[in-house]
Amino acid sequence: MDTPAKKIELVNLPQLDALNSPDAIINLLEEKGTRRTIESVNWRDEYPYQPLTTFTAAHSGKNIYIDFFVRCNFLRAENFTNQSPVSEDSCVEFFVEPRKGGEYWNFEFNCIGTVNASHRFSRPEPVRLTDDEIDRIRRYASCGSRPFRELEGIFTWNLLVVIPLDIIGVEYNGSPVEMRGNFYKCASAASQPHYLSWNPIDTPHPDFHQPDFFGDITLL
């Protein structure tokens, strides 16, 4: 029996765009945004590790705001250039399909805010975002911006990202916008590799490029 897709509603907070301080943005998201946990361990036999991961999100009518929070045992950030394989590092991701059956966008960020992002109809056919497009995605990383090799210990970190809606071809006019997508946590090259998702994925092996397993996302 198929499990119904998860649903999330992101409230409209236009005042987010007027805030210049990351702390002020995070405080408003904490007060009025929507929080969910990324807790589906889809390939438990092979990858059982489950770092605590949450995200709190809202939109402003022009941008989607997502604050990821992670507590983990290893921290890795070796990739520091656009379109490098950040999923090897301590990484959080947002995939979104603005129109069902259309293109989907993958936004992948390591813990220092390095971006790998594309849009595509299927995994083998990516259209990479340009450096100019990536520069429009604001990132505020508690780990800073300098790369580092893996560290062992107990770490708590957050990454706030601000993604312009026009990058994914969405125009918000005050009416709800129905989209589909998923949120992820991974670190494929860490000492405790893991692959977590918000909406569960039912495939034999780790694969986040699965629009059939996206949940429902509504911009209110």
N, C-alpha and C. Protein backbone atom coordinates (compact mmCIF):
# COMPACT_ATOMS: atom_id res chain seq x y z
N MET A 1 0.85 -1.20 0.00
CA MET A 1 0.00 0.00 0.00
C MET A 1 0.88 1.24 0.00
N ASP A 2 0.63 2.14 -0.93
CA ASP A 2 1.42 3.35 -1.05
C ASP A 2 1.16 4.28 0.13
N THR A 3 2.24 4.92 0.60
CA THR A 3 2.12 5.91 1.66
C THR A 3 1.78 7.26 1.04
N PRO A 4 0.75 7.95 1.54
CA PRO A 4 0.41 9.27 0.98
C PRO A 4 1.58 10.24 1.10
N ALA A 5 1.73 11.09 0.10
CA ALA A 5 2.81 12.07 0.12
C ALA A 5 2.60 13.06 1.26
N LYS A 6 3.70 13.45 1.88
CA LYS A 6 3.62 14.48 2.91
C LYS A 6 3.26 15.82 2.28
N LYS A 7 2.71 16.69 3.11
CA LYS A 7 2.29 18.01 2.64
C LYS A 7 2.88 19.07 3.56
N ILE A 8 3.27 20.20 2.99
CA ILE A 8 3.75 21.33 3.78
C ILE A 8 3.22 22.62 3.16
N GLU A 9 2.78 23.52 4.01
CA GLU A 9 2.31 24.84 3.58
C GLU A 9 3.29 25.89 4.08
N LEU A 10 3.75 26.74 3.17
CA LEU A 10 4.70 27.80 3.51
C LEU A 10 3.95 29.12 3.52
N VAL A 11 3.95 29.76 4.68
CA VAL A 11 3.21 31.02 4.84
C VAL A 11 3.92 32.15 4.11
N ASN A 12 3.15 33.15 3.76
CA ASN A 12 3.67 34.33 3.07
C ASN A 12 4.05 35.38 4.10
N LEU A 13 5.34 35.69 4.17
CA LEU A 13 5.85 36.71 5.10
C LEU A 13 6.64 37.74 4.30
N PRO A 14 5.94 38.72 3.69
CA PRO A 14 6.64 39.70 2.85
C PRO A 14 7.72 40.47 3.60
N GLN A 15 7.55 40.60 4.93
CA GLN A 15 8.52 41.37 5.71
C GLN A 15 9.90 40.73 5.74
N LEU A 16 10.01 39.46 5.35
CA LEU A 16 11.32 38.81 5.30
C LEU A 16 12.29 39.56 4.39
N ASP A 17 11.77 40.08 3.27
CA ASP A 17 12.65 40.74 2.30
C ASP A 17 13.23 42.05 2.82
N ALA A 18 12.64 42.60 3.87
CA ALA A 18 13.12 43.86 4.43
C ALA A 18 14.19 43.65 5.50
N LEU A 19 14.45 42.40 5.86
CA LEU A 19 15.40 42.10 6.93
C LEU A 19 16.78 41.85 6.34
N ASN A 20 17.79 42.52 6.89
CA ASN A 20 19.16 42.37 6.41
C ASN A 20 19.99 41.43 7.27
N SER A 21 19.54 41.19 8.50
CA SER A 21 20.29 40.37 9.43
C SER A 21 19.84 38.92 9.35
N PRO A 22 20.76 37.98 9.16
CA PRO A 22 20.38 36.56 9.18
C PRO A 22 19.68 36.17 10.48
N ASP A 23 20.14 36.70 11.60
CA ASP A 23 19.51 36.38 12.89
C ASP A 23 18.06 36.84 12.91
N ALA A 24 17.79 38.01 12.35
CA ALA A 24 16.42 38.53 12.32
C ALA A 24 15.54 37.65 11.42
N ILE A 25 16.09 37.22 10.30
CA ILE A 25 15.34 36.33 9.40
C ILE A 25 15.03 35.02 10.10
N ILE A 26 16.05 34.43 10.73
CA ILE A 26 15.85 33.15 11.42
C ILE A 26 14.84 33.29 12.55
N ASN A 27 14.90 34.40 13.29
CA ASN A 27 13.94 34.61 14.38
C ASN A 27 12.51 34.68 13.87
N LEU A 28 12.32 35.36 12.73
CA LEU A 28 10.97 35.46 12.16
C LEU A 28 10.51 34.10 11.64
N LEU A 29 11.40 33.36 11.03
CA LEU A 29 11.04 32.01 10.58
C LEU A 29 10.67 31.13 11.77
N GLU A 30 11.42 31.24 12.85
CA GLU A 30 11.11 30.45 14.04
C GLU A 30 9.74 30.82 14.61
N GLU A 31 9.41 32.10 14.53
CA GLU A 31 8.15 32.58 15.12
C GLU A 31 6.95 32.22 14.25
N LYS A 32 7.09 32.37 12.93
CA LYS A 32 5.92 32.28 12.06
C LYS A 32 6.04 31.29 10.91
N GLY A 33 7.22 30.73 10.70
CA GLY A 33 7.41 29.80 9.60
C GLY A 33 6.93 28.40 9.94
N THR A 34 7.15 27.48 9.02
CA THR A 34 6.74 26.08 9.17
C THR A 34 7.97 25.22 9.35
N ARG A 35 7.99 24.41 10.41
CA ARG A 35 9.14 23.55 10.68
C ARG A 35 8.77 22.09 10.45
N ARG A 36 9.70 21.38 9.83
CA ARG A 36 9.55 19.95 9.63
C ARG A 36 10.89 19.26 9.91
N THR A 37 10.84 17.95 10.11
CA THR A 37 12.03 17.15 10.35
C THR A 37 12.34 16.30 9.12
N ILE A 38 13.62 16.22 8.78
CA ILE A 38 14.07 15.35 7.70
C ILE A 38 14.51 14.04 8.36
N GLU A 39 13.62 13.05 8.37
CA GLU A 39 13.84 11.89 9.23
C GLU A 39 13.61 10.54 8.56
N SER A 40 13.32 10.52 7.27
CA SER A 40 13.12 9.24 6.60
C SER A 40 14.47 8.61 6.26
N VAL A 41 14.75 7.48 6.90
CA VAL A 41 15.98 6.73 6.63
C VAL A 41 15.61 5.63 5.63
N ASN A 42 15.72 5.94 4.37
CA ASN A 42 15.13 5.10 3.33
C ASN A 42 15.94 3.84 3.01
N TRP A 43 17.23 3.85 3.33
CA TRP A 43 18.10 2.71 3.03
C TRP A 43 18.82 2.31 4.32
N ARG A 44 18.01 1.95 5.31
CA ARG A 44 18.51 1.76 6.68
C ARG A 44 19.52 0.63 6.79
N ASP A 45 19.34 -0.44 6.03
CA ASP A 45 20.26 -1.57 6.15
C ASP A 45 21.69 -1.18 5.79
N GLU A 46 21.81 -0.34 4.78
CA GLU A 46 23.14 0.05 4.31
C GLU A 46 23.62 1.36 4.93
N TYR A 47 22.69 2.27 5.18
CA TYR A 47 23.03 3.60 5.69
C TYR A 47 22.11 3.95 6.86
N PRO A 48 22.39 3.41 8.06
CA PRO A 48 21.47 3.59 9.19
C PRO A 48 21.64 4.90 9.95
N TYR A 49 22.76 5.61 9.73
CA TYR A 49 23.02 6.81 10.54
C TYR A 49 21.98 7.89 10.26
N GLN A 50 21.49 8.51 11.33
CA GLN A 50 20.41 9.50 11.22
C GLN A 50 20.73 10.74 12.05
N PRO A 51 21.49 11.68 11.50
CA PRO A 51 21.72 12.93 12.23
C PRO A 51 20.43 13.74 12.35
N LEU A 52 20.25 14.39 13.47
CA LEU A 52 19.07 15.24 13.66
C LEU A 52 19.09 16.36 12.62
N THR A 53 18.03 16.48 11.85
CA THR A 53 17.96 17.50 10.81
C THR A 53 16.54 18.05 10.73
N THR A 54 16.43 19.37 10.82
CA THR A 54 15.14 20.03 10.64
C THR A 54 15.30 21.17 9.65
N PHE A 55 14.16 21.65 9.14
CA PHE A 55 14.17 22.88 8.35
C PHE A 55 12.94 23.69 8.73
N THR A 56 13.11 25.00 8.67
CA THR A 56 12.01 25.93 8.92
C THR A 56 11.92 26.84 7.71
N ALA A 57 10.72 26.98 7.13
CA ALA A 57 10.61 27.64 5.84
C ALA A 57 9.39 28.54 5.77
N ALA A 58 9.47 29.51 4.85
CA ALA A 58 8.38 30.42 4.52
C ALA A 58 8.73 31.05 3.18
N HIS A 59 7.85 31.91 2.67
CA HIS A 59 8.19 32.65 1.45
C HIS A 59 7.74 34.10 1.61
N SER A 60 8.28 34.95 0.76
CA SER A 60 7.98 36.38 0.86
C SER A 60 7.14 36.88 -0.30
N GLY A 61 6.80 35.99 -1.22
CA GLY A 61 6.18 36.41 -2.48
C GLY A 61 7.20 36.55 -3.59
N LYS A 62 8.47 36.76 -3.20
CA LYS A 62 9.55 36.87 -4.18
C LYS A 62 10.64 35.82 -3.96
N ASN A 63 10.75 35.34 -2.73
CA ASN A 63 11.82 34.39 -2.39
C ASN A 63 11.28 33.29 -1.48
N ILE A 64 11.91 32.11 -1.56
CA ILE A 64 11.70 31.05 -0.59
C ILE A 64 12.84 31.11 0.42
N TYR A 65 12.50 31.10 1.70
CA TYR A 65 13.47 31.12 2.79
C TYR A 65 13.45 29.77 3.48
N ILE A 66 14.63 29.15 3.61
CA ILE A 66 14.74 27.85 4.28
C ILE A 66 15.92 27.91 5.25
N ASP A 67 15.65 27.62 6.51
CA ASP A 67 16.72 27.53 7.50
C ASP A 67 16.87 26.07 7.91
N PHE A 68 17.99 25.46 7.50
CA PHE A 68 18.29 24.08 7.86
C PHE A 68 19.07 24.05 9.18
N PHE A 69 18.75 23.08 10.03
CA PHE A 69 19.45 22.90 11.30
C PHE A 69 19.87 21.44 11.40
N VAL A 70 21.15 21.21 11.76
CA VAL A 70 21.69 19.85 11.78
C VAL A 70 22.52 19.65 13.05
N ARG A 71 22.39 18.44 13.64
CA ARG A 71 23.30 17.99 14.70
C ARG A 71 23.88 16.66 14.24
N CYS A 72 25.22 16.58 14.15
CA CYS A 72 25.85 15.41 13.55
C CYS A 72 27.17 15.09 14.23
N ASN A 73 27.71 13.91 13.92
CA ASN A 73 28.96 13.44 14.54
C ASN A 73 30.20 13.76 13.73
N PHE A 74 30.05 13.99 12.44
CA PHE A 74 31.19 14.34 11.59
C PHE A 74 30.80 15.56 10.76
N LEU A 75 31.78 16.40 10.49
CA LEU A 75 31.53 17.62 9.72
C LEU A 75 32.59 17.71 8.62
N ARG A 76 32.11 17.88 7.38
CA ARG A 76 33.02 17.88 6.22
C ARG A 76 32.59 18.96 5.25
N ALA A 77 33.58 19.73 4.74
CA ALA A 77 33.28 20.78 3.76
C ALA A 77 34.51 20.99 2.88
N GLU A 78 34.75 20.02 2.01
CA GLU A 78 35.94 20.10 1.14
C GLU A 78 35.66 20.81 -0.18
N ASN A 79 34.39 20.91 -0.57
CA ASN A 79 34.05 21.54 -1.85
C ASN A 79 33.73 23.01 -1.64
N PHE A 80 34.32 23.86 -2.50
CA PHE A 80 34.17 25.30 -2.30
C PHE A 80 33.91 26.07 -3.58
N THR A 81 33.75 25.39 -4.72
CA THR A 81 33.47 26.08 -5.97
C THR A 81 32.08 25.70 -6.47
N ASN A 82 31.45 26.62 -7.21
CA ASN A 82 30.12 26.35 -7.76
C ASN A 82 30.10 25.05 -8.55
N GLN A 83 29.03 24.29 -8.38
CA GLN A 83 28.77 23.05 -9.11
C GLN A 83 29.74 21.93 -8.77
N SER A 84 30.45 22.05 -7.65
CA SER A 84 31.27 20.93 -7.18
C SER A 84 30.39 19.93 -6.44
N PRO A 85 30.86 18.71 -6.21
CA PRO A 85 30.00 17.65 -5.64
C PRO A 85 29.79 17.81 -4.14
N VAL A 86 28.97 18.79 -3.78
CA VAL A 86 28.76 19.11 -2.36
C VAL A 86 28.06 18.00 -1.60
N SER A 87 27.38 17.08 -2.31
CA SER A 87 26.70 15.98 -1.63
C SER A 87 27.69 15.03 -0.95
N GLU A 88 28.98 15.13 -1.29
CA GLU A 88 30.00 14.36 -0.59
C GLU A 88 30.21 14.89 0.82
N ASP A 89 29.97 16.19 1.00
CA ASP A 89 30.21 16.88 2.26
C ASP A 89 28.98 16.80 3.16
N SER A 90 29.06 17.46 4.31
CA SER A 90 27.87 17.65 5.15
C SER A 90 26.93 18.56 4.37
N CYS A 91 25.82 18.00 3.91
CA CYS A 91 25.03 18.63 2.85
C CYS A 91 23.55 18.59 3.16
N VAL A 92 22.85 19.67 2.80
CA VAL A 92 21.39 19.72 2.83
C VAL A 92 20.91 20.12 1.44
N GLU A 93 19.69 19.67 1.08
CA GLU A 93 19.24 19.86 -0.28
C GLU A 93 17.74 20.16 -0.33
N PHE A 94 17.36 20.91 -1.37
CA PHE A 94 15.95 21.20 -1.65
C PHE A 94 15.71 20.96 -3.13
N PHE A 95 14.82 20.01 -3.43
CA PHE A 95 14.41 19.74 -4.81
C PHE A 95 12.98 20.23 -4.96
N VAL A 96 12.67 20.88 -6.09
CA VAL A 96 11.32 21.42 -6.26
C VAL A 96 10.89 21.29 -7.72
N GLU A 97 9.65 20.87 -7.88
CA GLU A 97 9.01 20.75 -9.20
C GLU A 97 7.85 21.75 -9.22
N PRO A 98 8.04 22.92 -9.83
CA PRO A 98 6.99 23.95 -9.78
C PRO A 98 5.68 23.53 -10.43
N ARG A 99 5.77 22.71 -11.49
CA ARG A 99 4.57 22.24 -12.18
C ARG A 99 4.66 20.73 -12.35
N LYS A 100 3.63 20.03 -11.91
CA LYS A 100 3.66 18.57 -11.90
C LYS A 100 3.94 18.03 -13.31
N GLY A 101 4.93 17.17 -13.39
CA GLY A 101 5.30 16.59 -14.67
C GLY A 101 6.26 17.43 -15.48
N GLY A 102 6.61 18.62 -14.96
CA GLY A 102 7.53 19.50 -15.67
C GLY A 102 8.95 19.34 -15.15
N GLU A 103 9.77 20.35 -15.41
CA GLU A 103 11.13 20.33 -14.92
C GLU A 103 11.15 20.41 -13.40
N TYR A 104 12.20 19.86 -12.82
CA TYR A 104 12.43 20.09 -11.39
C TYR A 104 13.82 20.68 -11.20
N TRP A 105 13.97 21.41 -10.12
CA TRP A 105 15.23 22.07 -9.78
C TRP A 105 15.83 21.37 -8.57
N ASN A 106 17.13 21.15 -8.58
CA ASN A 106 17.83 20.63 -7.41
C ASN A 106 18.80 21.69 -6.89
N PHE A 107 18.63 22.04 -5.63
CA PHE A 107 19.51 22.98 -4.95
C PHE A 107 20.22 22.22 -3.84
N GLU A 108 21.54 22.06 -3.96
CA GLU A 108 22.33 21.29 -3.01
C GLU A 108 23.38 22.22 -2.38
N PHE A 109 23.50 22.16 -1.05
CA PHE A 109 24.39 23.07 -0.32
C PHE A 109 25.20 22.28 0.71
N ASN A 110 26.52 22.49 0.73
CA ASN A 110 27.25 21.94 1.87
C ASN A 110 27.21 22.93 3.03
N CYS A 111 27.81 22.58 4.14
CA CYS A 111 27.63 23.37 5.37
C CYS A 111 28.32 24.72 5.34
N ILE A 112 29.14 24.98 4.31
CA ILE A 112 29.72 26.32 4.15
C ILE A 112 29.03 27.09 3.02
N GLY A 113 27.92 26.56 2.52
CA GLY A 113 27.11 27.28 1.54
C GLY A 113 27.50 27.12 0.09
N THR A 114 28.43 26.22 -0.22
CA THR A 114 28.76 25.96 -1.62
C THR A 114 27.56 25.33 -2.31
N VAL A 115 27.32 25.72 -3.57
CA VAL A 115 26.08 25.35 -4.27
C VAL A 115 26.36 24.45 -5.46
N ASN A 116 25.55 23.41 -5.58
CA ASN A 116 25.42 22.63 -6.81
C ASN A 116 23.94 22.69 -7.18
N ALA A 117 23.61 23.27 -8.32
CA ALA A 117 22.20 23.48 -8.66
C ALA A 117 21.98 23.36 -10.16
N SER A 118 20.86 22.73 -10.51
CA SER A 118 20.49 22.50 -11.90
C SER A 118 18.98 22.44 -12.02
N HIS A 119 18.51 22.41 -13.27
CA HIS A 119 17.12 22.04 -13.52
C HIS A 119 17.10 21.04 -14.66
N ARG A 120 16.06 20.19 -14.66
CA ARG A 120 16.06 19.07 -15.60
C ARG A 120 14.70 18.40 -15.60
N PHE A 121 14.45 17.61 -16.64
CA PHE A 121 13.30 16.72 -16.68
C PHE A 121 13.65 15.34 -16.14
N SER A 122 14.92 14.94 -16.28
CA SER A 122 15.37 13.65 -15.76
C SER A 122 16.82 13.80 -15.34
N ARG A 123 17.26 12.87 -14.49
CA ARG A 123 18.59 12.99 -13.91
C ARG A 123 19.72 13.12 -14.93
N PRO A 124 19.70 12.38 -16.05
CA PRO A 124 20.84 12.44 -16.98
C PRO A 124 20.92 13.72 -17.80
N GLU A 125 19.95 14.62 -17.69
CA GLU A 125 19.90 15.78 -18.59
C GLU A 125 19.86 17.10 -17.81
N PRO A 126 20.90 17.38 -17.02
CA PRO A 126 20.88 18.61 -16.22
C PRO A 126 21.21 19.85 -17.04
N VAL A 127 20.54 20.94 -16.71
CA VAL A 127 20.92 22.27 -17.18
C VAL A 127 21.45 23.01 -15.96
N ARG A 128 22.76 23.20 -15.91
CA ARG A 128 23.39 23.79 -14.74
C ARG A 128 23.03 25.26 -14.59
N LEU A 129 22.77 25.68 -13.37
CA LEU A 129 22.59 27.11 -13.14
C LEU A 129 23.91 27.82 -13.40
N THR A 130 23.83 29.03 -13.93
CA THR A 130 25.03 29.82 -14.20
C THR A 130 25.58 30.40 -12.90
N ASP A 131 26.81 30.87 -12.95
CA ASP A 131 27.40 31.52 -11.77
C ASP A 131 26.57 32.74 -11.36
N ASP A 132 26.04 33.48 -12.33
CA ASP A 132 25.22 34.64 -12.01
C ASP A 132 23.94 34.23 -11.30
N GLU A 133 23.33 33.13 -11.74
CA GLU A 133 22.12 32.65 -11.06
C GLU A 133 22.44 32.18 -9.65
N ILE A 134 23.55 31.47 -9.49
CA ILE A 134 23.94 31.00 -8.16
C ILE A 134 24.23 32.17 -7.23
N ASP A 135 24.83 33.23 -7.77
CA ASP A 135 25.13 34.40 -6.95
C ASP A 135 23.87 35.04 -6.38
N ARG A 136 22.73 34.81 -7.02
CA ARG A 136 21.47 35.39 -6.54
C ARG A 136 20.88 34.60 -5.38
N ILE A 137 21.40 33.40 -5.13
CA ILE A 137 20.94 32.58 -4.01
C ILE A 137 21.73 32.98 -2.78
N ARG A 138 21.08 33.63 -1.84
CA ARG A 138 21.77 34.08 -0.63
C ARG A 138 21.94 32.91 0.33
N ARG A 139 23.13 32.83 0.95
CA ARG A 139 23.45 31.76 1.87
C ARG A 139 24.14 32.34 3.10
N TYR A 140 23.69 31.90 4.27
CA TYR A 140 24.26 32.32 5.53
C TYR A 140 24.60 31.06 6.32
N ALA A 141 25.88 30.74 6.42
CA ALA A 141 26.32 29.48 7.01
C ALA A 141 26.98 29.71 8.36
N SER A 142 26.51 29.01 9.39
CA SER A 142 27.11 29.15 10.71
C SER A 142 28.54 28.61 10.75
N CYS A 143 28.89 27.75 9.78
CA CYS A 143 30.25 27.19 9.72
C CYS A 143 31.23 28.10 8.99
N GLY A 144 30.77 29.27 8.53
CA GLY A 144 31.63 30.14 7.75
C GLY A 144 31.68 29.72 6.30
N SER A 145 32.66 30.22 5.56
CA SER A 145 32.73 29.96 4.12
C SER A 145 34.03 29.29 3.68
N ARG A 146 34.92 29.01 4.60
CA ARG A 146 36.20 28.40 4.23
C ARG A 146 36.10 26.88 4.27
N PRO A 147 36.65 26.19 3.27
CA PRO A 147 36.57 24.72 3.24
C PRO A 147 37.46 24.10 4.31
N PHE A 148 37.12 22.88 4.69
CA PHE A 148 37.94 22.15 5.67
C PHE A 148 37.73 20.65 5.49
N ARG A 149 38.73 19.89 5.91
CA ARG A 149 38.64 18.44 5.88
C ARG A 149 37.73 17.96 7.03
N GLU A 150 37.37 16.70 6.96
CA GLU A 150 36.40 16.18 7.92
C GLU A 150 36.90 16.31 9.36
N LEU A 151 35.98 16.73 10.22
CA LEU A 151 36.22 16.83 11.65
C LEU A 151 35.34 15.82 12.37
N GLU A 152 35.87 15.24 13.44
CA GLU A 152 35.10 14.30 14.24
C GLU A 152 34.74 14.93 15.56
N GLY A 153 33.51 14.72 15.99
CA GLY A 153 33.03 15.29 17.25
C GLY A 153 31.52 15.34 17.22
N ILE A 154 30.95 16.24 17.99
CA ILE A 154 29.52 16.49 17.95
C ILE A 154 29.33 17.94 17.52
N PHE A 155 28.67 18.14 16.40
CA PHE A 155 28.56 19.47 15.79
C PHE A 155 27.10 19.86 15.61
N THR A 156 26.82 21.12 15.84
CA THR A 156 25.51 21.68 15.55
C THR A 156 25.72 22.84 14.59
N TRP A 157 25.00 22.83 13.47
CA TRP A 157 25.18 23.90 12.50
C TRP A 157 23.87 24.21 11.80
N ASN A 158 23.81 25.41 11.23
CA ASN A 158 22.63 25.75 10.44
C ASN A 158 23.06 26.46 9.16
N LEU A 159 22.21 26.37 8.17
CA LEU A 159 22.41 27.06 6.90
C LEU A 159 21.09 27.69 6.50
N LEU A 160 21.09 29.01 6.37
CA LEU A 160 19.92 29.75 5.88
C LEU A 160 20.13 30.03 4.40
N VAL A 161 19.15 29.65 3.57
CA VAL A 161 19.23 29.91 2.13
C VAL A 161 17.99 30.70 1.70
N VAL A 162 18.22 31.59 0.74
CA VAL A 162 17.14 32.42 0.18
C VAL A 162 17.17 32.24 -1.33
N ILE A 163 16.14 31.60 -1.87
CA ILE A 163 16.10 31.25 -3.29
C ILE A 163 15.04 32.10 -3.99
N PRO A 164 15.42 32.94 -4.96
CA PRO A 164 14.42 33.73 -5.69
C PRO A 164 13.44 32.84 -6.45
N LEU A 165 12.16 33.15 -6.34
CA LEU A 165 11.14 32.36 -7.02
C LEU A 165 11.30 32.40 -8.54
N ASP A 166 11.80 33.53 -9.06
CA ASP A 166 11.89 33.61 -10.52
C ASP A 166 12.96 32.68 -11.09
N ILE A 167 13.90 32.23 -10.25
CA ILE A 167 14.88 31.25 -10.72
C ILE A 167 14.20 29.95 -11.12
N ILE A 168 13.12 29.59 -10.40
CA ILE A 168 12.40 28.35 -10.74
C ILE A 168 11.16 28.64 -11.58
N GLY A 169 11.06 29.87 -12.10
CA GLY A 169 9.98 30.20 -13.02
C GLY A 169 8.62 30.37 -12.37
N VAL A 170 8.60 30.73 -11.09
CA VAL A 170 7.34 30.90 -10.37
C VAL A 170 7.08 32.38 -10.11
N GLU A 171 5.85 32.80 -10.40
CA GLU A 171 5.40 34.16 -10.09
C GLU A 171 4.25 34.06 -9.10
N TYR A 172 4.41 34.67 -7.95
CA TYR A 172 3.39 34.62 -6.90
C TYR A 172 2.54 35.89 -6.98
N ASN A 173 1.22 35.71 -7.12
CA ASN A 173 0.34 36.87 -7.26
C ASN A 173 -0.66 37.00 -6.12
N GLY A 174 -0.38 36.29 -5.03
CA GLY A 174 -1.28 36.36 -3.88
C GLY A 174 -2.16 35.15 -3.71
N SER A 175 -2.28 34.35 -4.75
CA SER A 175 -3.05 33.11 -4.68
C SER A 175 -2.12 31.94 -4.38
N PRO A 176 -2.60 30.89 -3.72
CA PRO A 176 -1.74 29.75 -3.41
C PRO A 176 -1.10 29.14 -4.66
N VAL A 177 0.15 28.77 -4.53
CA VAL A 177 0.89 28.12 -5.61
C VAL A 177 1.17 26.69 -5.18
N GLU A 178 0.71 25.72 -5.96
CA GLU A 178 0.90 24.31 -5.66
C GLU A 178 2.15 23.80 -6.38
N MET A 179 3.08 23.26 -5.60
CA MET A 179 4.30 22.71 -6.16
C MET A 179 4.53 21.33 -5.54
N ARG A 180 5.57 20.67 -5.97
CA ARG A 180 5.98 19.40 -5.37
C ARG A 180 7.47 19.46 -5.12
N GLY A 181 7.95 18.68 -4.14
CA GLY A 181 9.37 18.71 -3.87
C GLY A 181 9.76 17.85 -2.68
N ASN A 182 11.02 17.95 -2.32
CA ASN A 182 11.53 17.18 -1.19
C ASN A 182 12.72 17.91 -0.59
N PHE A 183 13.02 17.56 0.65
CA PHE A 183 14.14 18.14 1.39
C PHE A 183 15.01 16.98 1.86
N TYR A 184 16.34 17.19 1.80
CA TYR A 184 17.25 16.08 2.06
C TYR A 184 18.41 16.47 2.97
N LYS A 185 19.00 15.45 3.57
CA LYS A 185 20.28 15.57 4.29
C LYS A 185 21.14 14.40 3.87
N CYS A 186 22.39 14.68 3.49
CA CYS A 186 23.28 13.60 3.07
C CYS A 186 24.73 13.99 3.33
N ALA A 187 25.61 13.01 3.18
CA ALA A 187 27.06 13.21 3.26
C ALA A 187 27.69 11.92 2.75
N SER A 188 27.82 11.80 1.44
CA SER A 188 28.19 10.51 0.85
C SER A 188 29.63 10.11 1.12
N ALA A 189 30.53 11.09 1.36
CA ALA A 189 31.94 10.77 1.56
C ALA A 189 32.38 10.93 3.01
N ALA A 190 31.44 11.12 3.92
CA ALA A 190 31.76 11.26 5.33
C ALA A 190 32.02 9.90 5.96
N SER A 191 32.58 9.90 7.16
CA SER A 191 32.86 8.64 7.84
C SER A 191 31.59 7.90 8.22
N GLN A 192 30.49 8.63 8.38
CA GLN A 192 29.17 8.02 8.57
C GLN A 192 28.26 8.49 7.44
N PRO A 193 28.40 7.90 6.25
CA PRO A 193 27.57 8.34 5.13
C PRO A 193 26.09 8.10 5.43
N HIS A 194 25.26 9.01 4.91
CA HIS A 194 23.82 8.90 5.19
C HIS A 194 23.05 9.62 4.09
N TYR A 195 21.75 9.24 3.98
CA TYR A 195 20.86 9.79 2.96
C TYR A 195 19.46 9.86 3.58
N LEU A 196 19.08 11.02 4.06
CA LEU A 196 17.78 11.21 4.70
C LEU A 196 16.89 12.07 3.81
N SER A 197 15.58 11.86 3.92
CA SER A 197 14.64 12.68 3.17
C SER A 197 13.46 13.07 4.04
N TRP A 198 12.80 14.17 3.68
CA TRP A 198 11.56 14.58 4.34
C TRP A 198 10.43 13.66 3.92
N ASN A 199 10.18 13.56 2.61
CA ASN A 199 9.18 12.61 2.12
C ASN A 199 9.90 11.31 1.78
N PRO A 200 9.37 10.16 2.21
CA PRO A 200 10.06 8.89 2.01
C PRO A 200 10.28 8.57 0.53
N ILE A 201 11.35 7.82 0.27
CA ILE A 201 11.70 7.38 -1.09
C ILE A 201 11.79 5.87 -1.08
N ASP A 202 11.14 5.22 -2.03
CA ASP A 202 11.14 3.76 -2.10
C ASP A 202 11.88 3.33 -3.36
N THR A 203 13.20 3.27 -3.28
CA THR A 203 14.04 2.77 -4.36
C THR A 203 15.07 1.82 -3.76
N PRO A 204 15.66 0.93 -4.56
CA PRO A 204 16.62 -0.04 -4.00
C PRO A 204 17.87 0.61 -3.44
N HIS A 205 18.30 1.72 -4.04
CA HIS A 205 19.55 2.37 -3.65
C HIS A 205 19.32 3.87 -3.52
N PRO A 206 20.20 4.58 -2.81
CA PRO A 206 20.02 6.03 -2.62
C PRO A 206 19.91 6.76 -3.95
N ASP A 207 18.86 7.54 -4.08
CA ASP A 207 18.63 8.35 -5.29
C ASP A 207 17.62 9.44 -4.94
N PHE A 208 18.09 10.67 -4.85
CA PHE A 208 17.21 11.78 -4.52
C PHE A 208 16.48 12.33 -5.74
N HIS A 209 16.93 11.95 -6.93
CA HIS A 209 16.31 12.46 -8.17
C HIS A 209 15.10 11.60 -8.52
N GLN A 210 14.08 11.70 -7.67
CA GLN A 210 12.90 10.85 -7.78
C GLN A 210 11.63 11.70 -7.63
N PRO A 211 11.22 12.43 -8.67
CA PRO A 211 10.01 13.25 -8.56
C PRO A 211 8.76 12.45 -8.17
N ASP A 212 8.73 11.15 -8.47
CA ASP A 212 7.58 10.33 -8.09
C ASP A 212 7.42 10.27 -6.57
N PHE A 213 8.48 10.58 -5.84
CA PHE A 213 8.43 10.53 -4.38
C PHE A 213 8.52 11.93 -3.76
N PHE A 214 8.20 12.95 -4.54
CA PHE A 214 8.12 14.30 -3.98
C PHE A 214 6.85 14.44 -3.15
N GLY A 215 6.92 15.31 -2.13
CA GLY A 215 5.75 15.68 -1.37
C GLY A 215 5.09 16.93 -1.95
N ASP A 216 3.99 17.35 -1.34
CA ASP A 216 3.24 18.52 -1.81
C ASP A 216 3.68 19.76 -1.04
N ILE A 217 4.00 20.81 -1.77
CA ILE A 217 4.43 22.09 -1.19
C ILE A 217 3.52 23.18 -1.68
N THR A 218 2.90 23.91 -0.77
CA THR A 218 1.99 25.00 -1.14
C THR A 218 2.52 26.32 -0.61
N LEU A 219 2.67 27.28 -1.51
CA LEU A 219 2.98 28.66 -1.10
C LEU A 219 1.64 29.36 -0.84
N LEU A 220 1.35 29.64 0.41
CA LEU A 220 0.07 30.27 0.75
C LEU A 220 0.06 31.75 0.41
